[in-house]
Amino acid sequence: MSDKPEKLITDDGLRLDGRHADEIRPMKIEIGVLSRADGSCYLEWGRNKILVGVFGPREAHPRRLQRADTAVIRYKYNMASFSVEDRARPGPSRRSIEISKVSREAFEPVIMAELFPKTAIDIFVEVLQADAGTRTAAINASSIALADAGVPMKGLVTSCAFGKVDGQIVLDLNKEEDNYGEADFPVAMTQDGDITLLQMDGHLTSDEIKKGLELVKKGCKEILEIQQAVLRKKFETPVEETEEEATGIESEVVEAELSLEYATEAAAVDDIIEEIEGPEEELSEETAEACAVNEEAPECEKLEEIIKEAEAEVVEGETIEEVIEAEIENETEEEAFEDEAEFEANLEASYEEVSEPEKLAESELEETVSEEAELVPEIEEFNEEEAQPEAEAQLEEPVGVEEQSQPEEEAKLEELEESQLEEEVQLEEEVEIEKISPKETFESESEIESEAESRKEAPAEQAVEVEEEAEEEKCKGPWKVVKDPSESGSRGENDE
């Protein structure tokens, strides 16, 4: 062992390693260092080097250790024989057993063991190099390893110690301060501030303990920030970057597929471009510049002619370019004027072609409608003339015959009126259809004329047929209908 230093805290208020009383040692953490463990952590805190591996939840062996309602937490703390200056005896010792017990109890309030009954969660801690505060360093590393293994917890556990050195309360003791100090007070707490581990070695007053606990809270807060940053770095993936990378890869794949699909077409287009660009090299420099605007050969020839005419007809005070521009503008205006004149002429011709057949169709439709309208009153007059002798005959008939024939005649009249209404509706619909499509009627003029003639003949034939049907139906009744009552025989005689 090294000799005891004269002063652990200098006159400037600094400690032997240059820290102030409320500062912790620098900490380095790595996650996932063991491939075969469910969760692992390597921690360096000052000169302490701790390696932790977590296994489980897994089936507990021997089975007599299983619990039906919760998981069993097993914590094993071990110091390597080469971890200290004097070789440590390998295997468990009273100190290692005691540290294992208090460390397990520090995690029991946080781990949600009730979710995994009849299982075991094993935490193995190996101290590779010791420099005071190994139990607090092991608790900090175990908390990160449990989170790496995915064990459900209510929060992370942080641990730090304070002590008394040269009559002053300091945070996070190093080896010299731990060996030659007056007191050591390790504490572990959750991220909510609940204390899960509290030990003391030495003599401290209540005021010193209160002051030391304030320093411990500050130190545990700093350690918690380091733990969260390390876990966040591993488990948080930047969504935006991954999306951008995915979109970039997809775009590259799409471009590659398109290039493969259209490779033959692209080669054909390149050949066409080479054929077009070939004759342009033979032209003069002036024509090449002119063809840069438009690659068509006839326009290039026109430009050459315009240039030659402009050179021959250069006016004083005017440049060749102005003359060329004026001629080009004149040509474009003339072409536009000619196009407008042709367009107007075509419009007029098309309007005349469309208007003439429409007029003819409208006039023919009006004639057909007027003829059909004239036919309707003729039919009504014809029906009235027929109805007069029938009515006279009915007056001469007996009362029983009149009562039976009246409903039949009324039904017949109603049928005639309904047929006439249907014919009128059909005619109106045909007229409307012919108005909507004048072009079709114009194309089928001969058909319209034939239909009109047939319609003229149809009403007369229908009237004759209706009269014959009326006479036949009258004869079918139970009584004979005759004009002369003397020919009827006896009144009430049945028609045999």
Foldseek 3Di string as FASTA:
>chain_A
DDDADPAQADPVQAGPVGDHQLDFFDKDKDWDPDPPALTWMWMQGPNWTKIKGKHDQDADPPQVPFDQQFEAEFEFAFEQQPQDPHGDDGDDDPVRVVLRVLLSQLQVVWFPGRVPGNGYMYMYMYTDHDWPPNSQRSQLRSQLRCVSSVGHTNAGKHKWKWFAGPNDIGTHDTRSCVVPPAKIWIWMDGPVGHTRGTDIDHDDDPVSVVVNVVSGVVVRVVSRVVSVVNVCVPPPDPPVVVVVVVVVVVVVVVVVVVCVVCVVVVVVVVVVVCVLVVVLVVDDPVLNVVCVVPSDDVVSVVLVVLLVVLVVDPDPPDDSVVSSVVVVVVVVVVVVVVVVVVVVVVVVVVVVVVVVLLVVLVVVLVVLVVLLVVVVVVLVVVVVVLVVLVVLLLVPADPVLNVVCVVVVVVLVVVVVVVVVVVVVVSVVVSVVCNVCSVVCSVPVVVSVVVSVVSNVVSVVVSVVSSVVVVVVQCPDQAHGDNDPVVRPDPPDGDD
